[in-house]
Amino acid sequence: MCSSDPEVAPQSSGAVLEQAAATAGPGGSISVTSSLLTPGQEKFAGRLAELTGLDPRVVAAWELAEESGSAAQGREAASNFNWLNIGYFDSGAGKIAFDKEFGDPVSAAEQTAKFLKGEWGGASSSIRAILNSVGRSPGDQMSAIANSDWASSHYGGGANLRGTYNELGDIHLENTGTS
């Protein structure tokens, strides 16, 4: 499945995910590919979307807003797959930023899902509220992220997330069957 039509993609990405999830069945998984993402970011985006129900294109945009280009390549080379920068603060990195689960993109996504659900790491109520946007439009999901206290910049009121989301015109989502 591909959601690359720039006029349709912002509205259809959720529908593509729903279709992929509906056909995946128990144990199914979602594959995400984009020329803007590192291989680790692709794995992370698909797994985090599976675990949380967030739109995978929103997850990919969020990753890129946090870490992209040569910085993402360097982080991946260091086996640091903490793509959403959990535990990194304006004042520096805290201990949880280096949790061993961030050493692999799949376990990093699983740890990130636990964080978002409030099961690990002490996420604030506004961060846990991001998952209340699941099932709503990608725009609503990005607004929930921007309105949370995830980033002190609030991603420019969400404009940075939306811009990055729109740059992901080549993103491909597909059901990869059972895991």
C-alpha atoms as a PDB file:
ATOM      1  CA  MET A   1       0.000   0.000   0.000  1.00  0.00           C
ATOM      2  CA  CYS A   2       1.263   3.453  -0.726  1.00  0.00           C
ATOM      3  CA  SER A   3       0.097   6.822   0.403  1.00  0.00           C
ATOM      4  CA  SER A   4       2.071   9.085  -1.855  1.00  0.00           C
ATOM      5  CA  ASP A   5      -0.498  11.340  -3.529  1.00  0.00           C
ATOM      6  CA  PRO A   6       0.168  14.684  -1.816  1.00  0.00           C
ATOM      7  CA  GLU A   7      -3.447  15.793  -2.139  1.00  0.00           C
ATOM      8  CA  VAL A   8      -4.877  12.554  -0.759  1.00  0.00           C
ATOM      9  CA  ALA A   9      -2.179  11.340   1.638  1.00  0.00           C
ATOM     10  CA  PRO A  10      -2.909  13.629   4.608  1.00  0.00           C
ATOM     11  CA  GLN A  11      -6.492  12.434   4.650  1.00  0.00           C
ATOM     12  CA  SER A  12      -5.919   8.823   3.594  1.00  0.00           C
ATOM     13  CA  SER A  13      -2.945   7.755   5.702  1.00  0.00           C
ATOM     14  CA  GLY A  14      -5.237   6.729   8.573  1.00  0.00           C
ATOM     15  CA  ALA A  15      -7.463   4.824   6.170  1.00  0.00           C
ATOM     16  CA  VAL A  16      -4.416   3.051   4.753  1.00  0.00           C
ATOM     17  CA  LEU A  17      -3.347   2.102   8.285  1.00  0.00           C
ATOM     18  CA  GLU A  18      -6.839   0.870   9.137  1.00  0.00           C
ATOM     19  CA  GLN A  19      -6.859  -1.223   5.977  1.00  0.00           C
ATOM     20  CA  ALA A  20      -3.376  -2.591   6.743  1.00  0.00           C
ATOM     21  CA  ALA A  21      -4.346  -3.357  10.334  1.00  0.00           C
ATOM     22  CA  ALA A  22      -7.631  -4.968   9.282  1.00  0.00           C
ATOM     23  CA  THR A  23      -5.871  -7.305   6.872  1.00  0.00           C
ATOM     24  CA  ALA A  24      -2.905  -7.976   9.148  1.00  0.00           C
ATOM     25  CA  GLY A  25      -4.882 -10.167  11.507  1.00  0.00           C
ATOM     26  CA  PRO A  26      -3.510 -11.411  14.823  1.00  0.00           C
ATOM     27  CA  GLY A  27       0.252 -11.026  14.952  1.00  0.00           C
ATOM     28  CA  GLY A  28       0.316  -8.933  11.788  1.00  0.00           C
ATOM     29  CA  SER A  29       2.700  -6.054  11.425  1.00  0.00           C
ATOM     30  CA  ILE A  30       3.010  -2.815   9.516  1.00  0.00           C
ATOM     31  CA  SER A  31       6.040  -1.995   7.402  1.00  0.00           C
ATOM     32  CA  VAL A  32       6.999   1.651   6.888  1.00  0.00           C
ATOM     33  CA  THR A  33       9.456   2.844   4.253  1.00  0.00           C
ATOM     34  CA  SER A  34      10.562   6.334   3.221  1.00  0.00           C
ATOM     35  CA  SER A  35      13.727   7.782   1.744  1.00  0.00           C
ATOM     36  CA  LEU A  36      13.767  10.283   4.634  1.00  0.00           C
ATOM     37  CA  LEU A  37      13.954   7.619   7.348  1.00  0.00           C
ATOM     38  CA  THR A  38      16.879   5.476   8.449  1.00  0.00           C
ATOM     39  CA  PRO A  39      16.222   1.714   8.484  1.00  0.00           C
ATOM     40  CA  GLY A  40      15.922   1.879  12.275  1.00  0.00           C
ATOM     41  CA  GLN A  41      13.416   4.716  12.074  1.00  0.00           C
ATOM     42  CA  GLU A  42      11.337   2.695   9.605  1.00  0.00           C
ATOM     43  CA  LYS A  43      11.213  -0.306  11.964  1.00  0.00           C
ATOM     44  CA  PHE A  44      10.481   1.924  14.945  1.00  0.00           C
ATOM     45  CA  ALA A  45       7.629   3.776  13.176  1.00  0.00           C
ATOM     46  CA  GLY A  46       5.890   0.574  12.096  1.00  0.00           C
ATOM     47  CA  ARG A  47       6.163  -1.061  15.508  1.00  0.00           C
ATOM     48  CA  LEU A  48       5.130   2.040  17.483  1.00  0.00           C
ATOM     49  CA  ALA A  49       2.120   2.480  15.192  1.00  0.00           C
ATOM     50  CA  GLU A  50       1.142  -1.172  15.766  1.00  0.00           C
ATOM     51  CA  LEU A  51       1.445  -0.864  19.545  1.00  0.00           C
ATOM     52  CA  THR A  52      -0.292   2.484  19.977  1.00  0.00           C
ATOM     53  CA  GLY A  53      -2.657   2.901  17.026  1.00  0.00           C
ATOM     54  CA  LEU A  54      -1.001   6.196  16.082  1.00  0.00           C
ATOM     55  CA  ASP A  55      -0.842   6.855  12.359  1.00  0.00           C
ATOM     56  CA  PRO A  56       2.546   5.556  11.110  1.00  0.00           C
ATOM     57  CA  ARG A  57       3.077   8.660   8.985  1.00  0.00           C
ATOM     58  CA  VAL A  58       2.513  10.807  12.091  1.00  0.00           C
ATOM     59  CA  VAL A  59       5.030   8.662  13.982  1.00  0.00           C
ATOM     60  CA  ALA A  60       7.515   9.053  11.121  1.00  0.00           C
ATOM     61  CA  ALA A  61       7.044  12.835  11.066  1.00  0.00           C
ATOM     62  CA  TRP A  62       7.491  12.940  14.840  1.00  0.00           C
ATOM     63  CA  GLU A  63      10.726  10.936  14.582  1.00  0.00           C
ATOM     64  CA  LEU A  64      12.072  13.257  11.903  1.00  0.00           C
ATOM     65  CA  ALA A  65      11.103  16.349  13.889  1.00  0.00           C
ATOM     66  CA  GLU A  66      13.216  14.948  16.716  1.00  0.00           C
ATOM     67  CA  GLU A  67      16.099  13.398  14.762  1.00  0.00           C
ATOM     68  CA  SER A  68      16.805  13.490  11.026  1.00  0.00           C
ATOM     69  CA  GLY A  69      19.535  13.520   8.415  1.00  0.00           C
ATOM     70  CA  SER A  70      23.133  13.025   9.527  1.00  0.00           C
ATOM     71  CA  ALA A  71      22.131  13.295  13.212  1.00  0.00           C
ATOM     72  CA  ALA A  72      19.773  10.325  12.774  1.00  0.00           C
ATOM     73  CA  GLN A  73      22.405   8.387  10.840  1.00  0.00           C
ATOM     74  CA  GLY A  74      24.938   9.010  13.603  1.00  0.00           C
ATOM     75  CA  ARG A  75      22.510   7.976  16.289  1.00  0.00           C
ATOM     76  CA  GLU A  76      21.676   4.796  14.402  1.00  0.00           C
ATOM     77  CA  ALA A  77      25.381   4.004  13.935  1.00  0.00           C
ATOM     78  CA  ALA A  78      25.717   4.265  17.729  1.00  0.00           C
ATOM     79  CA  SER A  79      22.789   1.821  18.188  1.00  0.00           C
ATOM     80  CA  ASN A  80      20.723   4.506  19.909  1.00  0.00           C
ATOM     81  CA  PHE A  81      17.153   4.099  18.636  1.00  0.00           C
ATOM     82  CA  ASN A  82      15.512   6.505  21.104  1.00  0.00           C
ATOM     83  CA  TRP A  83      13.982   8.307  18.131  1.00  0.00           C
ATOM     84  CA  LEU A  84      11.554  10.440  20.127  1.00  0.00           C
ATOM     85  CA  ASN A  85      14.274  11.518  22.573  1.00  0.00           C
ATOM     86  CA  ILE A  86      12.665  10.194  25.731  1.00  0.00           C
ATOM     87  CA  GLY A  87      14.677  11.503  28.654  1.00  0.00           C
ATOM     88  CA  TYR A  88      16.445  14.191  26.648  1.00  0.00           C
ATOM     89  CA  PHE A  89      15.633  17.575  28.139  1.00  0.00           C
ATOM     90  CA  ASP A  90      16.566  21.151  27.292  1.00  0.00           C
ATOM     91  CA  SER A  91      19.051  20.899  30.197  1.00  0.00           C
ATOM     92  CA  GLY A  92      20.605  17.645  28.915  1.00  0.00           C
ATOM     93  CA  ALA A  93      20.014  13.906  28.889  1.00  0.00           C
ATOM     94  CA  GLY A  94      18.615  12.088  31.904  1.00  0.00           C
ATOM     95  CA  LYS A  95      19.303   8.494  32.877  1.00  0.00           C
ATOM     96  CA  ILE A  96      16.210   7.061  31.150  1.00  0.00           C
ATOM     97  CA  ALA A  97      17.449   8.399  27.789  1.00  0.00           C
ATOM     98  CA  PHE A  98      20.005   5.585  27.811  1.00  0.00           C
ATOM     99  CA  ASP A  99      17.755   2.699  28.842  1.00  0.00           C
ATOM    100  CA  LYS A 100      19.088  -0.549  27.342  1.00  0.00           C
ATOM    101  CA  GLU A 101      15.786  -1.066  25.478  1.00  0.00           C
ATOM    102  CA  PHE A 102      16.749   1.801  23.153  1.00  0.00           C
ATOM    103  CA  GLY A 103      19.575  -0.348  21.729  1.00  0.00           C
ATOM    104  CA  ASP A 104      17.272  -1.941  19.119  1.00  0.00           C
ATOM    105  CA  PRO A 105      14.568  -0.220  17.035  1.00  0.00           C
ATOM    106  CA  VAL A 106      11.845  -2.754  17.890  1.00  0.00           C
ATOM    107  CA  SER A 107      12.461  -2.825  21.644  1.00  0.00           C
ATOM    108  CA  ALA A 108      12.845   0.985  21.508  1.00  0.00           C
ATOM    109  CA  ALA A 109       9.353   1.239  20.000  1.00  0.00           C
ATOM    110  CA  GLU A 110       8.020  -1.100  22.670  1.00  0.00           C
ATOM    111  CA  GLN A 111       9.610   0.987  25.444  1.00  0.00           C
ATOM    112  CA  THR A 112       8.288   4.185  23.840  1.00  0.00           C
ATOM    113  CA  ALA A 113       4.773   2.705  23.741  1.00  0.00           C
ATOM    114  CA  LYS A 114       5.075   1.870  27.447  1.00  0.00           C
ATOM    115  CA  PHE A 115       6.169   5.458  28.096  1.00  0.00           C
ATOM    116  CA  LEU A 116       3.229   6.914  26.155  1.00  0.00           C
ATOM    117  CA  LYS A 117       0.825   4.625  28.020  1.00  0.00           C
ATOM    118  CA  GLY A 118       2.272   5.648  31.390  1.00  0.00           C
ATOM    119  CA  GLU A 119       3.629   2.140  32.102  1.00  0.00           C
ATOM    120  CA  TRP A 120       7.309   3.179  32.305  1.00  0.00           C
ATOM    121  CA  GLY A 121       9.362   6.323  32.788  1.00  0.00           C
ATOM    122  CA  GLY A 122       6.853   8.680  34.389  1.00  0.00           C
ATOM    123  CA  ALA A 123       5.251  10.403  31.392  1.00  0.00           C
ATOM    124  CA  SER A 124       3.205  13.491  32.250  1.00  0.00           C
ATOM    125  CA  SER A 125      -0.562  13.513  31.838  1.00  0.00           C
ATOM    126  CA  SER A 126      -0.291  15.673  28.698  1.00  0.00           C
ATOM    127  CA  ILE A 127       2.065  13.117  27.141  1.00  0.00           C
ATOM    128  CA  ARG A 128      -0.191  10.209  28.067  1.00  0.00           C
ATOM    129  CA  ALA A 129      -3.096  12.191  26.535  1.00  0.00           C
ATOM    130  CA  ILE A 130      -1.449  11.928  23.098  1.00  0.00           C
ATOM    131  CA  LEU A 131      -2.930   8.432  22.801  1.00  0.00           C
ATOM    132  CA  ASN A 132      -6.426   9.891  23.263  1.00  0.00           C
ATOM    133  CA  SER A 133      -6.063  11.076  19.659  1.00  0.00           C
ATOM    134  CA  VAL A 134      -5.794   7.514  18.305  1.00  0.00           C
ATOM    135  CA  GLY A 135      -8.508   6.876  15.739  1.00  0.00           C
ATOM    136  CA  ARG A 136      -8.763  10.543  14.839  1.00  0.00           C
ATOM    137  CA  SER A 137      -7.192  12.297  11.868  1.00  0.00           C
ATOM    138  CA  PRO A 138      -3.435  12.670  11.447  1.00  0.00           C
ATOM    139  CA  GLY A 139      -3.907  16.406  12.006  1.00  0.00           C
ATOM    140  CA  ASP A 140      -5.590  15.747  15.345  1.00  0.00           C
ATOM    141  CA  GLN A 141      -2.793  13.372  16.339  1.00  0.00           C
ATOM    142  CA  MET A 142      -0.132  15.955  15.471  1.00  0.00           C
ATOM    143  CA  SER A 143      -2.054  18.600  17.416  1.00  0.00           C
ATOM    144  CA  ALA A 144      -2.136  16.317  20.463  1.00  0.00           C
ATOM    145  CA  ILE A 145       1.639  15.880  20.244  1.00  0.00           C
ATOM    146  CA  ALA A 146       2.241  19.609  19.769  1.00  0.00           C
ATOM    147  CA  ASN A 147      -0.136  20.524  22.608  1.00  0.00           C
ATOM    148  CA  SER A 148       1.561  18.136  25.027  1.00  0.00           C
ATOM    149  CA  ASP A 149       4.639  19.018  27.014  1.00  0.00           C
ATOM    150  CA  TRP A 150       6.724  16.612  24.915  1.00  0.00           C
ATOM    151  CA  ALA A 151       8.858  19.389  23.424  1.00  0.00           C
ATOM    152  CA  SER A 152       9.338  22.846  24.874  1.00  0.00           C
ATOM    153  CA  SER A 153       9.079  24.217  21.319  1.00  0.00           C
ATOM    154  CA  HIS A 154       5.656  22.552  20.867  1.00  0.00           C
ATOM    155  CA  TYR A 155       6.929  21.992  17.314  1.00  0.00           C
ATOM    156  CA  GLY A 156       6.075  25.580  16.379  1.00  0.00           C
ATOM    157  CA  GLY A 157       2.453  25.077  17.413  1.00  0.00           C
ATOM    158  CA  GLY A 158       2.441  21.877  15.369  1.00  0.00           C
ATOM    159  CA  ALA A 159       3.568  23.569  12.146  1.00  0.00           C
ATOM    160  CA  ASN A 160       6.894  21.726  12.172  1.00  0.00           C
ATOM    161  CA  LEU A 161       5.183  18.347  12.548  1.00  0.00           C
ATOM    162  CA  ARG A 162       2.690  19.129   9.778  1.00  0.00           C
ATOM    163  CA  GLY A 163       5.494  20.323   7.481  1.00  0.00           C
ATOM    164  CA  THR A 164       7.504  17.167   8.084  1.00  0.00           C
ATOM    165  CA  TYR A 165       4.378  15.037   7.655  1.00  0.00           C
ATOM    166  CA  ASN A 166       3.848  16.651   4.239  1.00  0.00           C
ATOM    167  CA  GLU A 167       7.486  16.009   3.279  1.00  0.00           C
ATOM    168  CA  LEU A 168       6.828  12.281   3.711  1.00  0.00           C
ATOM    169  CA  GLY A 169       5.134  12.051   0.335  1.00  0.00           C
ATOM    170  CA  ASP A 170       7.058   8.910  -0.574  1.00  0.00           C
ATOM    171  CA  ILE A 171       6.042   6.952   2.530  1.00  0.00           C
ATOM    172  CA  HIS A 172       4.855   3.412   1.936  1.00  0.00           C
ATOM    173  CA  LEU A 173       2.818   1.433   4.450  1.00  0.00           C
ATOM    174  CA  GLU A 174       2.117  -2.223   4.039  1.00  0.00           C
ATOM    175  CA  ASN A 175       0.907  -5.254   5.903  1.00  0.00           C
ATOM    176  CA  THR A 176       3.832  -7.619   6.289  1.00  0.00           C
ATOM    177  CA  GLY A 177       1.680 -10.512   7.506  1.00  0.00           C
ATOM    178  CA  THR A 178       2.226 -12.287  10.755  1.00  0.00           C
ATOM    179  CA  SER A 179       5.255 -11.667  12.895  1.00  0.00           C
END
